């Protein structure tokens, strides 16, 4: 879903790839959940737990400035889990904004 509006570009080796799409954090809303990890966690597993979809790990990474090449969340990390009822609307808004450019 997050690459629906990405364009195809060629890298320095002429390989085709999707362009990067930078997504901003969602605004804080009622229904957001805050957690503190007590052991090592994985972003994809947390996404599955809260959204029922492991592929939405990138939302948690974006919201909490995590990731950077790994899905691992260290222990004692405070995280905001955006309200699952608003995530799809947020993704749709991003796609609509990127389509209008």
Foldseek 3Di string as FASTA:
>chain_A
DLQPLWDWDADPVRDIDTDDDDDAADDDDPQKDKDFAAAKDFLLVVCCVQQVGSVCSVNQCRQQVDCPPGRIDGHGRIGIHHHNVCVVVSSVVSNVVSVVD
